[in-house]
Amino acid sequence: MTDASVSIIITVKAGEVSETIEKTISVMEMESELNKVFQSSQQQVTALLFDLLEAQLHAYVSAQTEWKNIGTEQRSVLLESGSITYRRHIYKDKQGKRNEPFDDSHCLTIL
């Protein structure tokens, strides 16, 4: 008998944008592999969700404000599932004040 496998597909959708994570696991080792897949997927899904939300926030800020996009910076956050790293946009307003809207939790309510 050959070793059968199954695919686990997780799709994360934010607005009209979606990303998919796909893992293939062996049926013969399903219990241990499922645990590994779910642990690693939790971090991947969270990072992916942060990236999708930040992209939506960037589109909103670009269209609705006069802030100048001065680039992106990497940020790491420690969550219960582990550390995740993502990139977020940095802006300057007319007075030259630096703004990081993704780090400002009340800005996420506009999404």
N, C-alpha and C. Protein backbone atom coordinates (compact mmCIF):
# COMPACT_ATOMS: atom_id res chain seq x y z
N MET A 1 0.85 -1.18 0.00
CA MET A 1 0.00 0.00 0.00
C MET A 1 0.89 1.24 0.00
N THR A 2 0.57 2.17 -0.85
CA THR A 2 1.35 3.41 -0.91
C THR A 2 0.90 4.36 0.18
N ASP A 3 1.79 5.24 0.53
CA ASP A 3 1.50 6.22 1.58
C ASP A 3 0.61 7.32 1.01
N ALA A 4 -0.65 7.36 1.41
CA ALA A 4 -1.58 8.38 0.93
C ALA A 4 -1.32 9.69 1.65
N SER A 5 -1.71 10.77 1.01
CA SER A 5 -1.54 12.08 1.62
C SER A 5 -2.80 12.91 1.40
N VAL A 6 -2.94 13.90 2.23
CA VAL A 6 -4.06 14.83 2.10
C VAL A 6 -3.52 16.25 2.12
N SER A 7 -4.26 17.14 1.50
CA SER A 7 -3.88 18.55 1.49
C SER A 7 -4.77 19.32 2.46
N ILE A 8 -4.13 20.20 3.21
CA ILE A 8 -4.86 21.12 4.08
C ILE A 8 -4.69 22.50 3.46
N ILE A 9 -5.81 23.14 3.17
CA ILE A 9 -5.79 24.44 2.51
C ILE A 9 -6.49 25.44 3.42
N ILE A 10 -5.78 26.51 3.75
CA ILE A 10 -6.33 27.58 4.59
C ILE A 10 -6.30 28.87 3.76
N THR A 11 -7.44 29.51 3.62
CA THR A 11 -7.53 30.76 2.88
C THR A 11 -7.86 31.89 3.85
N VAL A 12 -7.07 32.95 3.77
CA VAL A 12 -7.29 34.14 4.59
C VAL A 12 -7.77 35.24 3.65
N LYS A 13 -8.89 35.85 3.98
CA LYS A 13 -9.46 36.88 3.11
C LYS A 13 -9.70 38.14 3.92
N ALA A 14 -9.23 39.27 3.39
CA ALA A 14 -9.48 40.58 3.99
C ALA A 14 -10.01 41.47 2.88
N GLY A 15 -11.28 41.81 2.96
CA GLY A 15 -11.90 42.57 1.87
C GLY A 15 -11.94 41.71 0.62
N GLU A 16 -11.45 42.23 -0.46
CA GLU A 16 -11.45 41.50 -1.73
C GLU A 16 -10.16 40.75 -1.99
N VAL A 17 -9.19 40.85 -1.07
CA VAL A 17 -7.90 40.22 -1.26
C VAL A 17 -7.82 38.96 -0.41
N SER A 18 -7.31 37.89 -1.01
CA SER A 18 -7.15 36.67 -0.24
C SER A 18 -5.82 36.01 -0.56
N GLU A 19 -5.34 35.24 0.40
CA GLU A 19 -4.11 34.47 0.25
C GLU A 19 -4.39 33.08 0.79
N THR A 20 -3.71 32.09 0.21
CA THR A 20 -3.94 30.71 0.59
C THR A 20 -2.64 30.05 1.05
N ILE A 21 -2.75 29.27 2.11
CA ILE A 21 -1.64 28.46 2.61
C ILE A 21 -2.04 27.01 2.39
N GLU A 22 -1.18 26.24 1.77
CA GLU A 22 -1.50 24.83 1.51
C GLU A 22 -0.38 23.95 2.03
N LYS A 23 -0.75 22.91 2.76
CA LYS A 23 0.20 21.93 3.30
C LYS A 23 -0.30 20.53 2.93
N THR A 24 0.62 19.65 2.60
CA THR A 24 0.29 18.26 2.33
C THR A 24 0.87 17.41 3.46
N ILE A 25 0.03 16.53 4.00
CA ILE A 25 0.49 15.67 5.09
C ILE A 25 0.21 14.22 4.76
N SER A 26 1.00 13.34 5.36
CA SER A 26 0.85 11.91 5.19
C SER A 26 -0.30 11.41 6.06
N VAL A 27 -1.14 10.57 5.50
CA VAL A 27 -2.24 9.98 6.26
C VAL A 27 -1.70 9.08 7.37
N MET A 28 -0.60 8.38 7.09
CA MET A 28 -0.01 7.47 8.07
C MET A 28 0.54 8.21 9.29
N GLU A 29 0.91 9.46 9.13
CA GLU A 29 1.46 10.26 10.23
C GLU A 29 0.55 11.44 10.56
N MET A 30 -0.75 11.27 10.32
CA MET A 30 -1.69 12.38 10.37
C MET A 30 -1.73 13.08 11.73
N GLU A 31 -1.78 12.35 12.81
CA GLU A 31 -1.93 13.00 14.12
C GLU A 31 -0.76 13.93 14.43
N SER A 32 0.46 13.44 14.29
CA SER A 32 1.61 14.30 14.60
C SER A 32 1.77 15.41 13.57
N GLU A 33 1.52 15.11 12.32
CA GLU A 33 1.66 16.13 11.29
C GLU A 33 0.59 17.20 11.40
N LEU A 34 -0.62 16.82 11.79
CA LEU A 34 -1.69 17.82 11.97
C LEU A 34 -1.31 18.82 13.05
N ASN A 35 -0.77 18.33 14.15
CA ASN A 35 -0.34 19.24 15.21
C ASN A 35 0.71 20.21 14.71
N LYS A 36 1.69 19.72 13.98
CA LYS A 36 2.74 20.59 13.44
C LYS A 36 2.16 21.61 12.47
N VAL A 37 1.27 21.15 11.58
CA VAL A 37 0.67 22.04 10.58
C VAL A 37 -0.14 23.14 11.26
N PHE A 38 -0.94 22.79 12.25
CA PHE A 38 -1.78 23.80 12.90
C PHE A 38 -0.95 24.79 13.70
N GLN A 39 0.12 24.34 14.34
CA GLN A 39 0.97 25.26 15.08
C GLN A 39 1.66 26.25 14.13
N SER A 40 2.24 25.76 13.05
CA SER A 40 2.92 26.66 12.12
C SER A 40 1.93 27.51 11.34
N SER A 41 0.77 26.96 11.04
CA SER A 41 -0.24 27.70 10.28
C SER A 41 -0.79 28.86 11.08
N GLN A 42 -0.89 28.70 12.38
CA GLN A 42 -1.41 29.79 13.21
C GLN A 42 -0.54 31.03 13.07
N GLN A 43 0.76 30.86 13.09
CA GLN A 43 1.66 32.00 12.91
C GLN A 43 1.58 32.54 11.48
N GLN A 44 1.56 31.65 10.50
CA GLN A 44 1.49 32.09 9.11
C GLN A 44 0.20 32.85 8.82
N VAL A 45 -0.91 32.34 9.33
CA VAL A 45 -2.21 32.99 9.10
C VAL A 45 -2.24 34.36 9.76
N THR A 46 -1.71 34.48 10.96
CA THR A 46 -1.69 35.77 11.65
C THR A 46 -0.84 36.77 10.88
N ALA A 47 0.35 36.36 10.45
CA ALA A 47 1.22 37.25 9.67
C ALA A 47 0.55 37.65 8.36
N LEU A 48 -0.09 36.70 7.71
CA LEU A 48 -0.79 36.97 6.45
C LEU A 48 -1.94 37.93 6.67
N LEU A 49 -2.68 37.73 7.74
CA LEU A 49 -3.78 38.64 8.06
C LEU A 49 -3.27 40.05 8.31
N PHE A 50 -2.17 40.18 9.05
CA PHE A 50 -1.57 41.49 9.27
C PHE A 50 -1.18 42.14 7.95
N ASP A 51 -0.57 41.37 7.05
CA ASP A 51 -0.17 41.91 5.75
C ASP A 51 -1.36 42.37 4.93
N LEU A 52 -2.43 41.58 4.90
CA LEU A 52 -3.62 41.94 4.14
C LEU A 52 -4.30 43.18 4.72
N LEU A 53 -4.42 43.23 6.04
CA LEU A 53 -5.04 44.39 6.68
C LEU A 53 -4.20 45.65 6.47
N GLU A 54 -2.89 45.50 6.56
CA GLU A 54 -2.01 46.66 6.35
C GLU A 54 -2.12 47.17 4.92
N ALA A 55 -2.26 46.27 3.95
CA ALA A 55 -2.41 46.69 2.55
C ALA A 55 -3.72 47.46 2.36
N GLN A 56 -4.79 47.02 3.02
CA GLN A 56 -6.06 47.75 2.93
C GLN A 56 -5.95 49.11 3.60
N LEU A 57 -5.30 49.16 4.74
CA LEU A 57 -5.12 50.43 5.43
C LEU A 57 -4.27 51.38 4.59
N HIS A 58 -3.24 50.87 3.94
CA HIS A 58 -2.40 51.69 3.07
C HIS A 58 -3.22 52.29 1.92
N ALA A 59 -4.07 51.48 1.31
CA ALA A 59 -4.92 51.97 0.22
C ALA A 59 -5.85 53.07 0.72
N TYR A 60 -6.41 52.88 1.90
CA TYR A 60 -7.32 53.87 2.47
C TYR A 60 -6.57 55.18 2.77
N VAL A 61 -5.43 55.07 3.45
CA VAL A 61 -4.66 56.26 3.82
C VAL A 61 -4.21 57.01 2.58
N SER A 62 -3.77 56.28 1.55
CA SER A 62 -3.32 56.92 0.31
C SER A 62 -4.45 57.68 -0.38
N ALA A 63 -5.66 57.14 -0.31
CA ALA A 63 -6.79 57.77 -0.99
C ALA A 63 -7.47 58.85 -0.15
N GLN A 64 -7.41 58.75 1.17
CA GLN A 64 -8.21 59.62 2.03
C GLN A 64 -7.43 60.68 2.79
N THR A 65 -6.11 60.66 2.72
CA THR A 65 -5.33 61.65 3.48
C THR A 65 -4.31 62.30 2.55
N GLU A 66 -3.68 63.33 3.06
CA GLU A 66 -2.61 63.98 2.32
C GLU A 66 -1.24 63.59 2.87
N TRP A 67 -1.21 62.52 3.65
CA TRP A 67 0.05 62.04 4.19
C TRP A 67 0.94 61.51 3.08
N LYS A 68 2.23 61.72 3.24
CA LYS A 68 3.20 61.24 2.25
C LYS A 68 3.76 59.90 2.74
N ASN A 69 3.68 58.90 1.87
CA ASN A 69 4.24 57.58 2.18
C ASN A 69 5.76 57.68 2.09
N ILE A 70 6.44 57.40 3.20
CA ILE A 70 7.90 57.50 3.19
C ILE A 70 8.57 56.12 3.21
N GLY A 71 7.77 55.07 3.05
CA GLY A 71 8.32 53.72 2.96
C GLY A 71 7.67 52.75 3.94
N THR A 72 8.33 51.62 4.11
CA THR A 72 7.84 50.61 5.04
C THR A 72 8.95 50.25 6.02
N GLU A 73 8.52 49.71 7.14
CA GLU A 73 9.46 49.22 8.14
C GLU A 73 8.97 47.87 8.64
N GLN A 74 9.90 47.05 9.02
CA GLN A 74 9.58 45.75 9.56
C GLN A 74 9.26 45.88 11.05
N ARG A 75 8.31 45.09 11.50
CA ARG A 75 7.95 45.07 12.92
C ARG A 75 7.69 43.64 13.33
N SER A 76 8.11 43.29 14.53
CA SER A 76 7.85 41.96 15.08
C SER A 76 6.95 42.10 16.30
N VAL A 77 6.04 41.16 16.44
CA VAL A 77 5.12 41.14 17.56
C VAL A 77 5.14 39.74 18.15
N LEU A 78 5.21 39.65 19.46
CA LEU A 78 5.17 38.36 20.13
C LEU A 78 3.74 38.06 20.54
N LEU A 79 3.19 36.99 19.99
CA LEU A 79 1.84 36.54 20.30
C LEU A 79 1.92 35.22 21.04
N GLU A 80 0.80 34.76 21.52
CA GLU A 80 0.77 33.48 22.22
C GLU A 80 1.27 32.35 21.34
N SER A 81 1.00 32.42 20.04
CA SER A 81 1.42 31.37 19.11
C SER A 81 2.88 31.51 18.68
N GLY A 82 3.53 32.60 19.06
CA GLY A 82 4.93 32.82 18.70
C GLY A 82 5.11 34.20 18.11
N SER A 83 6.31 34.47 17.66
CA SER A 83 6.64 35.77 17.09
C SER A 83 6.28 35.82 15.61
N ILE A 84 5.70 36.94 15.20
CA ILE A 84 5.45 37.15 13.76
C ILE A 84 6.09 38.46 13.35
N THR A 85 6.49 38.51 12.11
CA THR A 85 7.10 39.72 11.55
C THR A 85 6.30 40.14 10.33
N TYR A 86 6.07 41.43 10.22
CA TYR A 86 5.34 41.98 9.08
C TYR A 86 5.93 43.34 8.75
N ARG A 87 5.53 43.89 7.61
CA ARG A 87 5.96 45.22 7.20
C ARG A 87 4.75 46.15 7.25
N ARG A 88 4.99 47.39 7.71
CA ARG A 88 3.90 48.37 7.71
C ARG A 88 4.41 49.68 7.12
N HIS A 89 3.47 50.43 6.52
CA HIS A 89 3.81 51.70 5.89
C HIS A 89 3.98 52.80 6.94
N ILE A 90 4.90 53.70 6.62
CA ILE A 90 5.17 54.85 7.47
C ILE A 90 4.85 56.10 6.63
N TYR A 91 4.23 57.09 7.25
CA TYR A 91 3.81 58.31 6.55
C TYR A 91 4.28 59.54 7.32
N LYS A 92 4.34 60.65 6.61
CA LYS A 92 4.55 61.96 7.26
C LYS A 92 3.39 62.85 6.86
N ASP A 93 2.87 63.58 7.85
CA ASP A 93 1.79 64.52 7.55
C ASP A 93 2.39 65.86 7.13
N LYS A 94 1.54 66.85 6.90
CA LYS A 94 2.00 68.16 6.42
C LYS A 94 2.92 68.86 7.40
N GLN A 95 2.79 68.55 8.68
CA GLN A 95 3.64 69.17 9.69
C GLN A 95 4.95 68.39 9.89
N GLY A 96 5.13 67.32 9.13
CA GLY A 96 6.34 66.52 9.23
C GLY A 96 6.30 65.47 10.32
N LYS A 97 5.12 65.29 10.95
CA LYS A 97 4.98 64.29 12.01
C LYS A 97 4.89 62.90 11.40
N ARG A 98 5.64 61.98 11.98
CA ARG A 98 5.65 60.58 11.54
C ARG A 98 4.37 59.88 12.01
N ASN A 99 3.75 59.11 11.11
CA ASN A 99 2.53 58.39 11.43
C ASN A 99 2.68 56.93 11.02
N GLU A 100 2.26 56.04 11.91
CA GLU A 100 2.28 54.60 11.66
C GLU A 100 0.86 54.08 11.94
N PRO A 101 -0.07 54.27 11.03
CA PRO A 101 -1.47 53.96 11.32
C PRO A 101 -1.75 52.50 11.66
N PHE A 102 -0.98 51.56 11.13
CA PHE A 102 -1.26 50.16 11.46
C PHE A 102 -0.96 49.88 12.93
N ASP A 103 -0.03 50.62 13.51
CA ASP A 103 0.31 50.45 14.92
C ASP A 103 -0.70 51.16 15.83
N ASP A 104 -1.52 52.02 15.26
CA ASP A 104 -2.53 52.77 16.01
C ASP A 104 -3.84 51.98 15.93
N SER A 105 -4.18 51.26 16.98
CA SER A 105 -5.28 50.30 16.93
C SER A 105 -6.62 50.91 16.51
N HIS A 106 -6.88 52.16 16.81
CA HIS A 106 -8.19 52.72 16.42
C HIS A 106 -8.27 52.94 14.92
N CYS A 107 -7.14 52.99 14.22
CA CYS A 107 -7.18 53.12 12.75
C CYS A 107 -7.74 51.87 12.08
N LEU A 108 -7.62 50.73 12.69
CA LEU A 108 -8.12 49.49 12.09
C LEU A 108 -9.63 49.46 12.03
N THR A 109 -10.31 50.30 12.79
CA THR A 109 -11.76 50.31 12.77
C THR A 109 -12.30 50.84 11.45
N ILE A 110 -11.49 51.55 10.66
CA ILE A 110 -11.97 52.07 9.38
C ILE A 110 -12.06 50.98 8.33
N LEU A 111 -11.39 49.86 8.56
CA LEU A 111 -11.41 48.76 7.60
C LEU A 111 -12.68 47.97 7.77
